[in-house]
């Protein structure tokens, strides 16, 4: 993981006419690897029924909906609204990177313009995304890969899930975070080739992906003792730093 990512502010601009709401969580989880999404906006005509599935995701992830009426049949006004907002954000200078979540090649020139101004641009879309847009960004991430990765991590979580309440928050604590899933994703996102990750990067990823994460919700004052208690993790000391990884499978190394 890039050491500078802890201070990188990302503007996440989502073309909801072009992207399924099922990708919302995975998109934000992936971007937490590269920085902090400080601007999260979703574009579409929210007066229609086409975007009904997005509404729950907007609330869940604190994404700001941007209303754009379709003034002309066959024309996507949301694209224009997204482009205008991106240029406004560029000139305001409050972010270091942009994430354009769309498979629409109409954003190719926008991506190029943002990069010309020294901003890092992430593209996130389906495999059908035209090559023009994929080549216009600094890094393009396929949504299908994120979905596949999420499925694999959920399988791993289910395989190693402890029996009992080891991975559950204390009574009365916030229950929105699946601790094992969150830790698995954070370790996979920050680990090296050997599977080990520093506790610091893990904690930073957790904070960016889950703003309400607090080890005290799980009965621990520190992340280090919380991690040390999880039966699906192993820890080791690297000098004065603590490292963590997913426990190895017998006969092979666990993913991560």
Protein backbone atom coordinates (compact mmCIF):
# COMPACT_ATOMS: atom_id res chain seq x y z
CA UNK A 1 0.00 0.00 0.00
CA UNK A 2 1.25 3.50 -0.82
CA UNK A 3 2.47 5.19 2.36
CA UNK A 4 1.09 8.51 1.11
CA UNK A 5 -2.42 7.09 0.85
CA UNK A 6 -3.23 7.99 4.44
CA UNK A 7 -3.37 11.68 3.47
CA UNK A 8 -4.84 11.32 -0.02
CA UNK A 9 -8.32 12.80 -0.26
CA UNK A 10 -10.47 11.23 -2.96
CA UNK A 11 -13.57 12.58 -4.68
CA UNK A 12 -15.81 9.64 -5.56
CA UNK A 13 -18.20 10.48 -8.41
CA UNK A 14 -20.67 7.73 -9.32
CA UNK A 15 -22.69 7.54 -12.52
CA UNK A 16 -25.70 5.72 -11.07
CA UNK A 17 -27.36 5.40 -14.48
CA UNK A 18 -24.41 3.23 -15.45
CA UNK A 19 -23.47 1.34 -12.27
CA UNK A 20 -25.41 -1.19 -10.20
CA UNK A 21 -25.93 -0.37 -6.50
CA UNK A 22 -24.60 -3.84 -5.60
CA UNK A 23 -21.09 -2.47 -6.20
CA UNK A 24 -21.33 0.49 -3.80
CA UNK A 25 -19.78 -1.15 -0.73
CA UNK A 26 -16.98 -2.84 -2.69
CA UNK A 27 -16.10 0.42 -4.46
CA UNK A 28 -15.68 2.34 -1.21
CA UNK A 29 -13.81 -0.55 0.42
CA UNK A 30 -11.38 -0.66 -2.51
CA UNK A 31 -10.82 3.09 -2.48
CA UNK A 32 -9.98 2.96 1.24
CA UNK A 33 -6.78 1.25 0.10
CA UNK A 34 -5.72 4.36 -1.81
CA UNK A 35 -6.93 7.16 0.45
CA UNK A 36 -9.94 8.68 2.17
CA UNK A 37 -13.14 9.32 0.18
CA UNK A 38 -13.93 12.82 1.46
CA UNK A 39 -16.41 13.61 -1.32
CA UNK A 40 -18.99 10.96 -2.26
CA UNK A 41 -21.61 11.94 -4.82
CA UNK A 42 -24.08 9.90 -6.87
CA UNK A 43 -25.61 11.28 -10.07
CA UNK A 44 -28.96 10.42 -11.61
CA UNK A 45 -32.60 11.33 -11.97
CA UNK A 46 -33.87 10.37 -8.53
CA UNK A 47 -37.47 11.13 -9.49
CA UNK A 48 -37.59 7.95 -11.59
CA UNK A 49 -37.97 4.35 -10.41
CA UNK A 50 -34.80 3.26 -12.23
CA UNK A 51 -32.55 4.17 -9.31
CA UNK A 52 -34.70 2.79 -6.49
CA UNK A 53 -32.04 0.21 -5.59
CA UNK A 54 -29.48 2.95 -5.04
CA UNK A 55 -31.42 4.81 -2.37
CA UNK A 56 -30.63 2.41 0.48
CA UNK A 57 -26.94 2.44 -0.49
CA UNK A 58 -26.84 6.24 -0.40
CA UNK A 59 -28.01 6.24 3.21
CA UNK A 60 -25.81 3.32 4.22
CA UNK A 61 -22.60 4.87 2.90
CA UNK A 62 -23.37 8.59 3.37
CA UNK A 63 -23.25 9.26 -0.38
CA UNK A 64 -24.77 12.56 -1.50
CA UNK A 65 -27.35 12.18 -4.29
CA UNK A 66 -27.17 14.81 -7.01
CA UNK A 67 -30.44 15.31 -8.82
CA UNK A 68 -30.31 15.83 -12.57
CA UNK A 69 -33.48 15.77 -14.62
CA UNK A 70 -33.38 14.15 -18.06
CA UNK A 71 -34.36 17.18 -20.09
CA UNK A 72 -34.23 15.37 -23.43
CA UNK A 73 -35.12 11.77 -24.19
CA UNK A 74 -32.04 9.77 -25.09
CA UNK A 75 -29.59 12.26 -23.57
CA UNK A 76 -27.84 11.64 -20.27
CA UNK A 77 -27.87 14.90 -18.33
CA UNK A 78 -26.25 13.20 -15.35
CA UNK A 79 -22.97 13.01 -17.27
CA UNK A 80 -22.88 16.78 -17.63
CA UNK A 81 -23.64 17.32 -13.95
CA UNK A 82 -20.84 14.96 -12.94
CA UNK A 83 -18.35 16.66 -15.25
CA UNK A 84 -19.27 20.14 -13.98
CA UNK A 85 -18.89 19.04 -10.36
CA UNK A 86 -15.54 17.41 -11.10
CA UNK A 87 -14.19 20.63 -12.57
CA UNK A 88 -15.51 22.62 -9.60
CA UNK A 89 -13.76 20.24 -7.23
CA UNK A 90 -10.58 20.49 -9.28
CA UNK A 91 -10.44 24.25 -8.94
CA UNK A 92 -11.39 24.20 -5.26
CA UNK A 93 -8.27 22.12 -4.63
CA UNK A 94 -9.70 20.13 -1.73
CA UNK A 95 -8.87 16.67 -3.09
CA UNK A 96 -5.77 14.98 -4.46
CA UNK A 97 -7.50 12.22 -6.45
CA UNK A 98 -10.71 11.40 -8.27
CA UNK A 99 -12.57 8.12 -8.66
CA UNK A 100 -14.86 8.04 -11.70
CA UNK A 101 -17.25 5.14 -11.21
CA UNK A 102 -18.73 4.47 -14.63
CA UNK A 103 -18.30 2.39 -17.76
CA UNK A 104 -19.22 5.33 -20.00
CA UNK A 105 -16.53 6.47 -22.44
CA UNK A 106 -18.02 9.99 -22.33
CA UNK A 107 -15.82 10.58 -19.26
CA UNK A 108 -12.59 9.97 -21.18
CA UNK A 109 -11.85 13.64 -21.74
CA UNK A 110 -12.69 14.45 -18.12
CA UNK A 111 -10.21 11.85 -16.88
CA UNK A 112 -7.52 13.22 -19.19
CA UNK A 113 -8.18 16.79 -18.05
CA UNK A 114 -7.97 15.90 -14.36
CA UNK A 115 -4.66 14.12 -14.90
CA UNK A 116 -3.32 17.08 -16.85
CA UNK A 117 -3.92 19.12 -13.70
CA UNK A 118 -1.82 16.74 -11.63
CA UNK A 119 -4.63 14.75 -10.03
CA UNK A 120 -4.55 11.00 -9.75
CA UNK A 121 -7.59 9.42 -11.39
CA UNK A 122 -9.04 6.00 -10.65
CA UNK A 123 -11.55 4.50 -13.05
CA UNK A 124 -13.99 1.88 -11.84
CA UNK A 125 -16.33 0.15 -14.27
CA UNK A 126 -17.33 -3.09 -15.91
CA UNK A 127 -15.22 -5.11 -18.32
CA UNK A 128 -17.30 -3.71 -21.17
CA UNK A 129 -15.80 -0.25 -20.50
CA UNK A 130 -14.30 1.10 -23.75
CA UNK A 131 -10.54 1.10 -23.94
CA UNK A 132 -10.49 4.88 -24.36
CA UNK A 133 -11.64 5.41 -20.77
CA UNK A 134 -9.52 2.59 -19.35
CA UNK A 135 -6.41 4.16 -20.89
CA UNK A 136 -7.29 7.69 -19.81
CA UNK A 137 -6.99 7.03 -16.06
CA UNK A 138 -4.01 6.24 -13.85
CA UNK A 139 -5.54 2.97 -12.71
CA UNK A 140 -8.67 1.18 -13.86
CA UNK A 141 -10.39 -1.33 -11.58
CA UNK A 142 -12.97 -3.79 -12.90
CA UNK A 143 -16.11 -4.01 -10.79
CA UNK A 144 -16.41 -7.71 -11.61
CA UNK A 145 -13.04 -8.33 -9.94
CA UNK A 146 -14.18 -6.52 -6.81
CA UNK A 147 -17.33 -8.61 -6.74
CA UNK A 148 -15.33 -11.81 -7.16
CA UNK A 149 -12.88 -10.76 -4.44
CA UNK A 150 -15.76 -10.00 -2.09
CA UNK A 151 -17.22 -13.47 -2.68
CA UNK A 152 -13.85 -15.10 -1.98
CA UNK A 153 -13.43 -13.12 1.23
CA UNK A 154 -16.91 -14.06 2.38
CA UNK A 155 -16.09 -17.73 1.76
CA UNK A 156 -12.92 -17.31 3.81
CA UNK A 157 -14.86 -15.59 6.59
CA UNK A 158 -17.43 -18.38 6.64
CA UNK A 159 -14.70 -21.04 6.67
CA UNK A 160 -12.86 -19.54 9.63
CA UNK A 161 -15.85 -18.13 11.53
CA UNK A 162 -15.48 -18.91 15.21
CA UNK A 163 -18.17 -20.79 17.05
CA UNK A 164 -19.71 -18.54 19.66
CA UNK A 165 -19.37 -14.81 20.17
CA UNK A 166 -15.65 -14.26 19.54
CA UNK A 167 -16.27 -12.05 16.52
CA UNK A 168 -19.36 -10.32 17.83
CA UNK A 169 -19.56 -6.93 19.56
CA UNK A 170 -20.59 -6.70 23.17
CA UNK A 171 -24.26 -6.36 24.04
CA UNK A 172 -25.47 -2.89 23.20
CA UNK A 173 -22.59 -2.17 20.85
CA UNK A 174 -22.95 -1.15 17.24
CA UNK A 175 -23.72 -4.24 15.15
CA UNK A 176 -23.39 -2.82 11.64
CA UNK A 177 -19.80 -3.96 11.27
CA UNK A 178 -19.03 -7.62 10.68
CA UNK A 179 -15.71 -7.65 12.51
CA UNK A 180 -14.25 -10.71 10.84
CA UNK A 181 -15.20 -9.51 7.38
CA UNK A 182 -13.82 -6.02 8.05
CA UNK A 183 -10.52 -7.34 9.43
CA UNK A 184 -10.16 -9.83 6.58
CA UNK A 185 -10.66 -7.11 3.97
CA UNK A 186 -8.29 -4.72 5.75
CA UNK A 187 -5.53 -7.32 5.97
CA UNK A 188 -5.96 -8.42 2.36
CA UNK A 189 -5.81 -4.78 1.26
CA UNK A 190 -2.65 -3.90 3.20
CA UNK A 191 -0.60 -7.11 3.35
CA UNK A 192 2.61 -7.88 1.54
CA UNK A 193 3.36 -10.91 -0.59
CA UNK A 194 3.93 -12.97 2.54
CA UNK A 195 0.46 -12.18 3.86
CA UNK A 196 1.71 -10.12 6.82
CA UNK A 197 0.44 -6.60 7.38
CA UNK A 198 1.43 -3.95 9.91
CA UNK A 199 -1.20 -3.20 12.52
CA UNK A 200 -0.96 0.52 11.68
CA UNK A 201 -2.01 0.15 8.02
CA UNK A 202 -4.77 -2.27 9.07
CA UNK A 203 -6.14 0.28 11.53
CA UNK A 204 -5.95 3.07 8.95
CA UNK A 205 -7.84 0.99 6.41
CA UNK A 206 -10.51 0.14 8.96
CA UNK A 207 -10.96 3.81 9.82
CA UNK A 208 -11.29 4.83 6.18
CA UNK A 209 -13.66 2.00 5.27
CA UNK A 210 -15.71 2.16 8.49
CA UNK A 211 -15.74 5.59 10.08
CA UNK A 212 -17.61 4.25 13.11
CA UNK A 213 -15.16 1.43 13.83
CA UNK A 214 -13.97 1.42 17.44
CA UNK A 215 -12.28 -1.55 19.18
CA UNK A 216 -14.12 -0.61 22.38
CA UNK A 217 -17.34 -1.75 20.69
CA UNK A 218 -15.81 -5.22 20.85
CA UNK A 219 -14.62 -5.01 24.45
CA UNK A 220 -11.04 -3.85 23.80
CA UNK A 221 -9.29 -0.56 24.47
CA UNK A 222 -6.78 -1.13 21.67
CA UNK A 223 -6.83 -2.69 18.22
CA UNK A 224 -3.79 -4.77 19.13
CA UNK A 225 -5.59 -6.74 21.85
CA UNK A 226 -8.69 -7.08 19.69
CA UNK A 227 -6.67 -8.55 16.85
CA UNK A 228 -4.70 -10.83 19.18
CA UNK A 229 -7.94 -12.37 20.44
CA UNK A 230 -9.33 -13.33 17.03
CA UNK A 231 -8.88 -17.09 16.39
CA UNK A 232 -8.66 -16.67 12.60
CA UNK A 233 -5.65 -14.31 12.87
CA UNK A 234 -2.05 -14.72 13.93
CA UNK A 235 0.29 -11.97 15.09
CA UNK A 236 4.02 -11.46 15.46
CA UNK A 237 6.35 -8.71 16.63
CA UNK A 238 8.54 -6.94 14.09
CA UNK A 239 10.78 -4.91 16.33
CA UNK A 240 8.45 -2.55 18.17
CA UNK A 241 5.66 -3.03 15.61
CA UNK A 242 2.95 -5.65 15.62
CA UNK A 243 2.12 -7.52 12.42
CA UNK A 244 -0.97 -9.58 11.64
CA UNK A 245 -2.14 -11.99 8.96
CA UNK A 246 -4.90 -14.49 8.31
CA UNK A 247 -4.09 -17.91 9.70
CA UNK A 248 -2.61 -20.27 7.18
CA UNK A 249 -4.57 -23.18 5.86
CA UNK A 250 -3.05 -26.58 6.46
CA UNK A 251 -1.03 -27.46 3.41
CA UNK A 252 -1.09 -23.94 1.98
CA UNK A 253 -1.14 -20.26 2.70
CA UNK A 254 -4.42 -18.45 3.21
CA UNK A 255 -5.38 -15.78 0.76
CA UNK A 256 -4.02 -12.39 1.57
